[in-house]
Amino acid sequence: MLSKQPQLTRSWPVRVAGLLLLLEAAGLVAINTANLSRLDWDFLRLQAAIALNNVPDATVAAVSTALFFLPSAVLATLAAIGLFFIWRTGWLLAMLTQGLTLLACLVLYFQQEPGIIYPIMLYSVLMVLNLNSFEVRATVHDRTNHSRQRRDESSTDEH
């Protein structure tokens, strides 16, 4: 009898997706750093001591951008680690990262309409397409099934 051999999948598409997620995290951190470095922190401390009513719009824009993109950068880093080890959780975190990034871009679009969100949105959409490609999904799915089969076989051998 011929047994079905599992089809071997390559892990390089998943690792490329992990590298792209690290690139995304670095880009989001760079955007946050650039926005926050432009602020005059001494002036802001003085304003905070007097009243928070007169906060400049540029300050509100920079801080809101940082608050929206910082969680996405952290999630992208965690997702990249998960994808390097080819964990299914890494793929899920990567998809959540893209959704959160797109949501942040939409909120920022309706708040301030900054021009920087268009390339970020394009990158996120391309990442979603990459993460849903056959090679990436098959690799993550096969690796999860193989580990589950080994776990089931070891539990039946013990009994």
Foldseek 3Di string as FASTA:
>chain_A
DDDDDDDDADLVLLLVLLVLLLVLLVVLVVLLCVLVVPDDVVVVVVCVVVDPPPDDPSVVLSVLSCVQSVVLSVLSNVLSVCSVVLAPVSLVSLLVSLVSLVVSLVVSCVVPNDPVSVVVNVSSVVSVVSSPDPRNVVSSVVVVVVVVVVVVVVVVVVD
